[in-house]
Amino acid sequence: MDLKLQNKVIIVTGGSKGIGNGICNLLAEEGAIPVIIGRNKENVLDAVKRIEEKGGKAYHAFAELTNPQDCIDAVARTAEKFGRIDGVVNNAGVNDSIGLEKGNYEDFMVSIQRNLAHYYLITQEALPYLKENKGSVVNIGSKSAFTGQGGTSGYAAANGGRNALTREWAVELLPYSIRVNAVIVAECFTPLYKKWINTFPEPEKKLNNITSKIPLEQRMTSTEEIANMVAFLLSSKSSHTTGQQIFVDGGYTHLDRALT
């Protein structure tokens, strides 16, 4: 299927690793130009280089996403380079384990800045260009907003905010035919996920316990599977889909995990 993404300029925050990188690689394969925004210069440049080595196009802008001016500058750099922005994928964030009982207000607010506030600012700065092109926004979210996780109030609250913004923006931007959707992730084996698994005394046993509770095929979701849905939502093939929270999770969130 031709998604008609050829030469579409798509901002992807946190696009150098994990889910974001999977999204960037697929967009490049579809002929789009992912613009990777991140703070680790080495990782960002390496991600761009790997896409270009495979014959794709990519661009970059460095930004510490908790710094508002960095967000503004990153979008401005993209617009100056291409004169257009066709889509935004808000993806960057980290499950930082800021809980209630053992957390504190200051760290909670940092978690909101790290995991939610830049979704708002990046999209706001890109909005004039999205209006010109009837663009699309995809917010990456987490099951934690629906299932809870324990000990991660900041991250869970941020993901609840991502879901709320998805619906709110979908309504607000109807006059401009800008579509806004969310892709909700449950268990996807990214480098950050691997780091978390390795904190347990028996990592392999812990991982097997988790995958056994994923209804469809008892396996983790791949970054490619997340990317496939994101690309579809960015494309004109989803031209009448907006305000949706789409779970790409093997049924983990909504199916009975005691099926077996």
C-alpha atoms as a PDB file:
ATOM      1  CA  MET A   1       0.000   0.000   0.000  1.00  0.00           C
ATOM      2  CA  ASP A   2       1.312   3.407  -0.992  1.00  0.00           C
ATOM      3  CA  LEU A   3       0.797   5.641   2.043  1.00  0.00           C
ATOM      4  CA  LYS A   4       1.572   8.725  -0.070  1.00  0.00           C
ATOM      5  CA  LEU A   5       4.117  10.006   2.431  1.00  0.00           C
ATOM      6  CA  GLN A   6       6.730  10.813  -0.208  1.00  0.00           C
ATOM      7  CA  ASN A   7       8.733  13.900   0.852  1.00  0.00           C
ATOM      8  CA  LYS A   8       6.393  14.618   3.775  1.00  0.00           C
ATOM      9  CA  VAL A   9       8.309  16.320   6.587  1.00  0.00           C
ATOM     10  CA  ILE A  10       7.526  14.629   9.902  1.00  0.00           C
ATOM     11  CA  ILE A  11       8.918  15.767  13.255  1.00  0.00           C
ATOM     12  CA  VAL A  12       9.637  12.844  15.595  1.00  0.00           C
ATOM     13  CA  THR A  13      10.749  13.634  19.142  1.00  0.00           C
ATOM     14  CA  GLY A  14      13.034  11.040  20.671  1.00  0.00           C
ATOM     15  CA  GLY A  15      13.549   9.541  17.230  1.00  0.00           C
ATOM     16  CA  SER A  16      17.074   8.240  17.717  1.00  0.00           C
ATOM     17  CA  LYS A  17      16.276   5.210  19.887  1.00  0.00           C
ATOM     18  CA  GLY A  18      13.574   2.670  20.621  1.00  0.00           C
ATOM     19  CA  ILE A  19      10.036   3.256  19.378  1.00  0.00           C
ATOM     20  CA  GLY A  20      10.895   6.674  17.949  1.00  0.00           C
ATOM     21  CA  ASN A  21      13.718   5.224  15.900  1.00  0.00           C
ATOM     22  CA  GLY A  22      11.484   2.464  14.579  1.00  0.00           C
ATOM     23  CA  ILE A  23       9.021   5.139  13.486  1.00  0.00           C
ATOM     24  CA  CYS A  24      11.740   7.184  11.769  1.00  0.00           C
ATOM     25  CA  ASN A  25      13.108   4.175   9.901  1.00  0.00           C
ATOM     26  CA  LEU A  26       9.685   3.209   8.564  1.00  0.00           C
ATOM     27  CA  LEU A  27       8.823   6.781   7.583  1.00  0.00           C
ATOM     28  CA  ALA A  28      12.079   6.991   5.633  1.00  0.00           C
ATOM     29  CA  GLU A  29      11.282   3.690   3.906  1.00  0.00           C
ATOM     30  CA  GLU A  30       7.930   5.202   2.891  1.00  0.00           C
ATOM     31  CA  GLY A  31       9.739   8.154   1.331  1.00  0.00           C
ATOM     32  CA  ALA A  32       9.007  10.660   4.096  1.00  0.00           C
ATOM     33  CA  ILE A  33      11.647  12.861   5.728  1.00  0.00           C
ATOM     34  CA  PRO A  34      11.708  12.233   9.485  1.00  0.00           C
ATOM     35  CA  VAL A  35      13.170  15.088  11.497  1.00  0.00           C
ATOM     36  CA  ILE A  36      14.703  13.574  14.612  1.00  0.00           C
ATOM     37  CA  ILE A  37      14.605  15.855  17.648  1.00  0.00           C
ATOM     38  CA  GLY A  38      16.643  14.809  20.671  1.00  0.00           C
ATOM     39  CA  ARG A  39      19.320  15.917  23.097  1.00  0.00           C
ATOM     40  CA  ASN A  40      21.999  13.239  22.617  1.00  0.00           C
ATOM     41  CA  LYS A  41      23.897  14.563  19.609  1.00  0.00           C
ATOM     42  CA  GLU A  42      25.817  11.354  18.973  1.00  0.00           C
ATOM     43  CA  ASN A  43      22.681   9.208  18.971  1.00  0.00           C
ATOM     44  CA  VAL A  44      20.713  11.638  16.827  1.00  0.00           C
ATOM     45  CA  LEU A  45      23.438  11.987  14.193  1.00  0.00           C
ATOM     46  CA  ASP A  46      23.982   8.230  14.131  1.00  0.00           C
ATOM     47  CA  ALA A  47      20.263   7.634  13.564  1.00  0.00           C
ATOM     48  CA  VAL A  48      20.231  10.105  10.659  1.00  0.00           C
ATOM     49  CA  LYS A  49      23.349   8.517   9.190  1.00  0.00           C
ATOM     50  CA  ARG A  50      21.895   5.002   9.332  1.00  0.00           C
ATOM     51  CA  ILE A  51      18.753   6.144   7.502  1.00  0.00           C
ATOM     52  CA  GLU A  52      20.818   7.873   4.824  1.00  0.00           C
ATOM     53  CA  GLU A  53      23.063   4.828   4.396  1.00  0.00           C
ATOM     54  CA  LYS A  54      19.945   2.829   3.518  1.00  0.00           C
ATOM     55  CA  GLY A  55      18.991   5.371   0.864  1.00  0.00           C
ATOM     56  CA  GLY A  56      16.463   7.334   2.890  1.00  0.00           C
ATOM     57  CA  LYS A  57      16.242  10.985   3.816  1.00  0.00           C
ATOM     58  CA  ALA A  58      16.356  12.377   7.347  1.00  0.00           C
ATOM     59  CA  TYR A  59      17.122  15.585   9.188  1.00  0.00           C
ATOM     60  CA  HIS A  60      17.763  16.533  12.796  1.00  0.00           C
ATOM     61  CA  ALA A  61      17.477  19.247  15.412  1.00  0.00           C
ATOM     62  CA  PHE A  62      19.085  19.052  18.829  1.00  0.00           C
ATOM     63  CA  ALA A  63      16.901  19.916  21.804  1.00  0.00           C
ATOM     64  CA  GLU A  64      16.603  19.317  25.515  1.00  0.00           C
ATOM     65  CA  LEU A  65      12.836  18.943  25.426  1.00  0.00           C
ATOM     66  CA  THR A  66      12.356  20.225  28.973  1.00  0.00           C
ATOM     67  CA  ASN A  67      13.805  23.534  27.740  1.00  0.00           C
ATOM     68  CA  PRO A  68      11.039  25.560  26.040  1.00  0.00           C
ATOM     69  CA  GLN A  69      13.440  27.598  23.903  1.00  0.00           C
ATOM     70  CA  ASP A  70      15.077  24.423  22.605  1.00  0.00           C
ATOM     71  CA  CYS A  71      11.653  23.162  21.486  1.00  0.00           C
ATOM     72  CA  ILE A  72      10.896  26.450  19.751  1.00  0.00           C
ATOM     73  CA  ASP A  73      14.286  26.489  18.034  1.00  0.00           C
ATOM     74  CA  ALA A  74      13.990  22.860  16.881  1.00  0.00           C
ATOM     75  CA  VAL A  75      10.699  23.481  15.105  1.00  0.00           C
ATOM     76  CA  ALA A  76      11.999  26.744  13.639  1.00  0.00           C
ATOM     77  CA  ARG A  77      15.089  24.935  12.297  1.00  0.00           C
ATOM     78  CA  THR A  78      12.848  22.369  10.614  1.00  0.00           C
ATOM     79  CA  ALA A  79      10.595  24.996   9.066  1.00  0.00           C
ATOM     80  CA  GLU A  80      13.570  27.033   7.855  1.00  0.00           C
ATOM     81  CA  LYS A  81      15.106  23.978   6.202  1.00  0.00           C
ATOM     82  CA  PHE A  82      12.006  22.662   4.437  1.00  0.00           C
ATOM     83  CA  GLY A  83       9.445  25.458   4.468  1.00  0.00           C
ATOM     84  CA  ARG A  84       6.818  22.960   5.569  1.00  0.00           C
ATOM     85  CA  ILE A  85       5.876  20.522   8.316  1.00  0.00           C
ATOM     86  CA  ASP A  86       3.373  17.799   7.452  1.00  0.00           C
ATOM     87  CA  GLY A  87       3.205  15.854  10.682  1.00  0.00           C
ATOM     88  CA  VAL A  88       4.318  15.629  14.290  1.00  0.00           C
ATOM     89  CA  VAL A  89       4.975  12.469  16.276  1.00  0.00           C
ATOM     90  CA  ASN A  90       5.259  13.287  19.981  1.00  0.00           C
ATOM     91  CA  ASN A  91       7.140  10.307  21.334  1.00  0.00           C
ATOM     92  CA  ALA A  92       9.942  11.297  23.727  1.00  0.00           C
ATOM     93  CA  GLY A  93       9.598  10.449  27.396  1.00  0.00           C
ATOM     94  CA  VAL A  94      10.831   8.172  30.141  1.00  0.00           C
ATOM     95  CA  ASN A  95       9.165   6.116  32.860  1.00  0.00           C
ATOM     96  CA  ASP A  96      11.024   7.799  35.694  1.00  0.00           C
ATOM     97  CA  SER A  97       9.408   6.062  38.682  1.00  0.00           C
ATOM     98  CA  ILE A  98       8.258   9.203  40.486  1.00  0.00           C
ATOM     99  CA  GLY A  99       5.737   7.699  42.896  1.00  0.00           C
ATOM    100  CA  LEU A 100       3.420   9.105  45.565  1.00  0.00           C
ATOM    101  CA  GLU A 101       4.608   7.551  48.813  1.00  0.00           C
ATOM    102  CA  LYS A 102       8.319   7.874  48.056  1.00  0.00           C
ATOM    103  CA  GLY A 103       8.213  10.766  45.610  1.00  0.00           C
ATOM    104  CA  ASN A 104       8.050  14.517  46.063  1.00  0.00           C
ATOM    105  CA  TYR A 105       6.349  17.482  44.426  1.00  0.00           C
ATOM    106  CA  GLU A 106       9.490  18.805  42.731  1.00  0.00           C
ATOM    107  CA  ASP A 107      10.306  15.496  41.040  1.00  0.00           C
ATOM    108  CA  PHE A 108       6.658  15.057  40.059  1.00  0.00           C
ATOM    109  CA  MET A 109       6.687  18.401  38.247  1.00  0.00           C
ATOM    110  CA  VAL A 110       9.959  17.499  36.518  1.00  0.00           C
ATOM    111  CA  SER A 111       8.301  14.296  35.310  1.00  0.00           C
ATOM    112  CA  ILE A 112       5.418  16.294  33.829  1.00  0.00           C
ATOM    113  CA  GLN A 113       7.934  18.541  32.061  1.00  0.00           C
ATOM    114  CA  ARG A 114       9.878  15.530  30.814  1.00  0.00           C
ATOM    115  CA  ASN A 115       6.892  13.523  29.637  1.00  0.00           C
ATOM    116  CA  LEU A 116       4.068  15.894  28.715  1.00  0.00           C
ATOM    117  CA  ALA A 117       4.802  19.617  28.450  1.00  0.00           C
ATOM    118  CA  HIS A 118       6.920  19.340  25.284  1.00  0.00           C
ATOM    119  CA  TYR A 119       4.052  17.506  23.540  1.00  0.00           C
ATOM    120  CA  TYR A 120       2.124  20.759  23.865  1.00  0.00           C
ATOM    121  CA  LEU A 121       4.928  23.119  22.883  1.00  0.00           C
ATOM    122  CA  ILE A 122       6.274  21.176  19.884  1.00  0.00           C
ATOM    123  CA  THR A 123       2.758  20.832  18.474  1.00  0.00           C
ATOM    124  CA  GLN A 124       1.923  24.477  19.111  1.00  0.00           C
ATOM    125  CA  GLU A 125       5.054  25.660  17.317  1.00  0.00           C
ATOM    126  CA  ALA A 126       4.382  23.346  14.367  1.00  0.00           C
ATOM    127  CA  LEU A 127       0.708  24.290  14.150  1.00  0.00           C
ATOM    128  CA  PRO A 128       0.959  27.108  11.564  1.00  0.00           C
ATOM    129  CA  TYR A 129       2.630  24.690   9.141  1.00  0.00           C
ATOM    130  CA  LEU A 130       0.238  21.844   9.916  1.00  0.00           C
ATOM    131  CA  LYS A 131      -2.662  24.186   9.131  1.00  0.00           C
ATOM    132  CA  GLU A 132      -1.195  24.930   5.712  1.00  0.00           C
ATOM    133  CA  ASN A 133      -0.940  21.246   4.810  1.00  0.00           C
ATOM    134  CA  LYS A 134      -3.850  19.691   6.727  1.00  0.00           C
ATOM    135  CA  GLY A 135      -1.236  17.802   8.689  1.00  0.00           C
ATOM    136  CA  SER A 136      -1.519  15.042  11.237  1.00  0.00           C
ATOM    137  CA  VAL A 137      -0.394  14.640  14.854  1.00  0.00           C
ATOM    138  CA  VAL A 138       0.293  11.319  16.555  1.00  0.00           C
ATOM    139  CA  ASN A 139       0.897  11.201  20.295  1.00  0.00           C
ATOM    140  CA  ILE A 140       2.600   8.096  21.654  1.00  0.00           C
ATOM    141  CA  GLY A 141       1.100   7.024  24.960  1.00  0.00           C
ATOM    142  CA  SER A 142       1.379   4.232  27.496  1.00  0.00           C
ATOM    143  CA  LYS A 143      -0.903   1.654  29.074  1.00  0.00           C
ATOM    144  CA  SER A 144       0.108   3.102  32.468  1.00  0.00           C
ATOM    145  CA  ALA A 145      -2.594   5.769  32.090  1.00  0.00           C
ATOM    146  CA  PHE A 146      -5.230   3.012  31.876  1.00  0.00           C
ATOM    147  CA  THR A 147      -3.913   0.130  33.982  1.00  0.00           C
ATOM    148  CA  GLY A 148      -1.705   1.862  36.526  1.00  0.00           C
ATOM    149  CA  GLN A 149       1.726   0.501  37.295  1.00  0.00           C
ATOM    150  CA  GLY A 150       2.617   1.481  40.837  1.00  0.00           C
ATOM    151  CA  GLY A 151       5.332   3.905  41.884  1.00  0.00           C
ATOM    152  CA  THR A 152       5.133   6.028  38.743  1.00  0.00           C
ATOM    153  CA  SER A 153       2.676   8.865  39.429  1.00  0.00           C
ATOM    154  CA  GLY A 154       4.481  11.364  37.199  1.00  0.00           C
ATOM    155  CA  TYR A 155       4.674   9.134  34.139  1.00  0.00           C
ATOM    156  CA  ALA A 156       1.112   7.834  34.538  1.00  0.00           C
ATOM    157  CA  ALA A 157      -0.260  11.361  34.959  1.00  0.00           C
ATOM    158  CA  ALA A 158       1.691  12.562  31.922  1.00  0.00           C
ATOM    159  CA  ASN A 159       0.256   9.758  29.827  1.00  0.00           C
ATOM    160  CA  GLY A 160      -3.238  10.579  31.017  1.00  0.00           C
ATOM    161  CA  GLY A 161      -2.496  14.115  29.882  1.00  0.00           C
ATOM    162  CA  ARG A 162      -1.341  12.868  26.477  1.00  0.00           C
ATOM    163  CA  ASN A 163      -4.668  11.086  26.025  1.00  0.00           C
ATOM    164  CA  ALA A 164      -6.636  14.157  27.080  1.00  0.00           C
ATOM    165  CA  LEU A 165      -4.656  16.419  24.748  1.00  0.00           C
ATOM    166  CA  THR A 166      -5.272  14.018  21.878  1.00  0.00           C
ATOM    167  CA  ARG A 167      -9.038  14.372  22.275  1.00  0.00           C
ATOM    168  CA  GLU A 168      -8.887  18.105  22.991  1.00  0.00           C
ATOM    169  CA  TRP A 169      -6.701  18.914  19.987  1.00  0.00           C
ATOM    170  CA  ALA A 170      -8.779  16.689  17.711  1.00  0.00           C
ATOM    171  CA  VAL A 171     -11.793  18.866  18.572  1.00  0.00           C
ATOM    172  CA  GLU A 172      -9.987  22.206  18.449  1.00  0.00           C
ATOM    173  CA  LEU A 173      -8.312  21.525  15.115  1.00  0.00           C
ATOM    174  CA  LEU A 174     -11.362  20.238  13.242  1.00  0.00           C
ATOM    175  CA  PRO A 175     -11.734  23.540  11.333  1.00  0.00           C
ATOM    176  CA  TYR A 176      -8.288  22.993   9.805  1.00  0.00           C
ATOM    177  CA  SER A 177      -8.791  19.293   8.939  1.00  0.00           C
ATOM    178  CA  ILE A 178      -5.817  18.454  11.159  1.00  0.00           C
ATOM    179  CA  ARG A 179      -6.194  14.940  12.541  1.00  0.00           C
ATOM    180  CA  VAL A 180      -4.894  14.053  16.008  1.00  0.00           C
ATOM    181  CA  ASN A 181      -4.624  10.488  17.274  1.00  0.00           C
ATOM    182  CA  ALA A 182      -2.753   8.529  19.914  1.00  0.00           C
ATOM    183  CA  VAL A 183      -1.018   5.161  19.723  1.00  0.00           C
ATOM    184  CA  ILE A 184      -0.966   3.432  23.090  1.00  0.00           C
ATOM    185  CA  VAL A 185       1.941   1.116  23.823  1.00  0.00           C
ATOM    186  CA  ALA A 186       2.021  -1.626  26.441  1.00  0.00           C
ATOM    187  CA  GLU A 187       4.974  -4.038  26.356  1.00  0.00           C
ATOM    188  CA  CYS A 188       7.534  -3.130  23.678  1.00  0.00           C
ATOM    189  CA  PHE A 189      11.139  -4.253  24.087  1.00  0.00           C
ATOM    190  CA  THR A 190      13.083  -1.015  23.710  1.00  0.00           C
ATOM    191  CA  PRO A 191      16.547  -0.236  25.144  1.00  0.00           C
ATOM    192  CA  LEU A 192      14.857   1.495  28.109  1.00  0.00           C
ATOM    193  CA  TYR A 193      12.652  -1.548  28.667  1.00  0.00           C
ATOM    194  CA  LYS A 194      15.687  -3.809  28.608  1.00  0.00           C
ATOM    195  CA  LYS A 195      17.405  -1.565  31.151  1.00  0.00           C
ATOM    196  CA  TRP A 196      14.363  -1.854  33.422  1.00  0.00           C
ATOM    197  CA  ILE A 197      14.151  -5.648  33.053  1.00  0.00           C
ATOM    198  CA  ASN A 198      17.818  -5.945  33.981  1.00  0.00           C
ATOM    199  CA  THR A 199      17.153  -4.313  37.359  1.00  0.00           C
ATOM    200  CA  PHE A 200      15.452  -7.542  38.498  1.00  0.00           C
ATOM    201  CA  PRO A 201      17.435 -10.406  40.092  1.00  0.00           C
ATOM    202  CA  GLU A 202      16.279 -12.820  37.371  1.00  0.00           C
ATOM    203  CA  PRO A 203      15.648 -10.680  34.253  1.00  0.00           C
ATOM    204  CA  GLU A 204      14.775 -13.548  31.916  1.00  0.00           C
ATOM    205  CA  LYS A 205      12.275 -15.005  34.360  1.00  0.00           C
ATOM    206  CA  LYS A 206      10.669 -11.575  34.818  1.00  0.00           C
ATOM    207  CA  LEU A 207      10.451 -11.061  31.045  1.00  0.00           C
ATOM    208  CA  ASN A 208       8.892 -14.492  30.506  1.00  0.00           C
ATOM    209  CA  ASN A 209       6.339 -13.749  33.208  1.00  0.00           C
ATOM    210  CA  ILE A 210       5.345 -10.529  31.422  1.00  0.00           C
ATOM    211  CA  THR A 211       5.140 -11.994  27.926  1.00  0.00           C
ATOM    212  CA  SER A 212       3.037 -14.913  29.185  1.00  0.00           C
ATOM    213  CA  LYS A 213       0.323 -12.373  30.035  1.00  0.00           C
ATOM    214  CA  ILE A 214       0.206 -10.763  26.574  1.00  0.00           C
ATOM    215  CA  PRO A 215      -2.899 -12.366  25.005  1.00  0.00           C
ATOM    216  CA  LEU A 216      -1.878 -12.369  21.332  1.00  0.00           C
ATOM    217  CA  GLU A 217       0.986 -14.828  20.798  1.00  0.00           C
ATOM    218  CA  GLN A 218       2.473 -14.229  24.256  1.00  0.00           C
ATOM    219  CA  ARG A 219       5.158 -11.921  22.895  1.00  0.00           C
ATOM    220  CA  MET A 220       6.269  -8.315  23.085  1.00  0.00           C
ATOM    221  CA  THR A 221       5.051  -5.760  20.565  1.00  0.00           C
ATOM    222  CA  SER A 222       7.818  -4.788  18.127  1.00  0.00           C
ATOM    223  CA  THR A 223       8.834  -1.228  17.346  1.00  0.00           C
ATOM    224  CA  GLU A 224       7.976  -1.974  13.713  1.00  0.00           C
ATOM    225  CA  GLU A 225       4.388  -2.776  14.685  1.00  0.00           C
ATOM    226  CA  ILE A 226       4.081   0.539  16.504  1.00  0.00           C
ATOM    227  CA  ALA A 227       5.657   2.316  13.528  1.00  0.00           C
ATOM    228  CA  ASN A 228       3.216   0.721  11.076  1.00  0.00           C
ATOM    229  CA  MET A 229       0.244   2.201  12.918  1.00  0.00           C
ATOM    230  CA  VAL A 230       1.903   5.608  13.287  1.00  0.00           C
ATOM    231  CA  ALA A 231       2.665   5.776   9.563  1.00  0.00           C
ATOM    232  CA  PHE A 232      -0.923   4.853   8.755  1.00  0.00           C
ATOM    233  CA  LEU A 233      -2.266   7.592  11.039  1.00  0.00           C
ATOM    234  CA  LEU A 234       0.059  10.147   9.471  1.00  0.00           C
ATOM    235  CA  SER A 235      -1.047   9.186   5.985  1.00  0.00           C
ATOM    236  CA  SER A 236      -4.082  10.092   3.915  1.00  0.00           C
ATOM    237  CA  LYS A 237      -5.167   6.457   4.170  1.00  0.00           C
ATOM    238  CA  SER A 238      -6.560   7.357   7.616  1.00  0.00           C
ATOM    239  CA  SER A 239      -8.213  10.510   6.303  1.00  0.00           C
ATOM    240  CA  HIS A 240     -11.357  10.216   8.449  1.00  0.00           C
ATOM    241  CA  THR A 241      -9.741   9.049  11.683  1.00  0.00           C
ATOM    242  CA  THR A 242      -9.228  11.580  14.481  1.00  0.00           C
ATOM    243  CA  GLY A 243      -9.441  11.761  18.250  1.00  0.00           C
ATOM    244  CA  GLN A 244      -8.701   8.056  18.614  1.00  0.00           C
ATOM    245  CA  GLN A 245      -6.592   6.152  21.117  1.00  0.00           C
ATOM    246  CA  ILE A 246      -5.399   3.061  19.287  1.00  0.00           C
ATOM    247  CA  PHE A 247      -3.859   0.240  21.292  1.00  0.00           C
ATOM    248  CA  VAL A 248      -1.066  -1.648  19.553  1.00  0.00           C
ATOM    249  CA  ASP A 249      -0.410  -4.059  22.385  1.00  0.00           C
ATOM    250  CA  GLY A 250      -1.428  -7.605  21.498  1.00  0.00           C
ATOM    251  CA  GLY A 251      -4.593  -7.162  23.544  1.00  0.00           C
ATOM    252  CA  TYR A 252      -2.664  -6.555  26.773  1.00  0.00           C
ATOM    253  CA  THR A 253      -4.661  -3.594  28.039  1.00  0.00           C
ATOM    254  CA  HIS A 254      -8.242  -4.603  27.298  1.00  0.00           C
ATOM    255  CA  LEU A 255      -8.327  -8.383  26.982  1.00  0.00           C
ATOM    256  CA  ASP A 256      -8.412 -10.655  29.997  1.00  0.00           C
ATOM    257  CA  ARG A 257      -4.791 -11.489  30.780  1.00  0.00           C
ATOM    258  CA  ALA A 258      -5.950 -14.652  32.532  1.00  0.00           C
ATOM    259  CA  LEU A 259      -7.174 -16.233  29.281  1.00  0.00           C
ATOM    260  CA  THR A 260      -4.693 -19.091  29.542  1.00  0.00           C
END
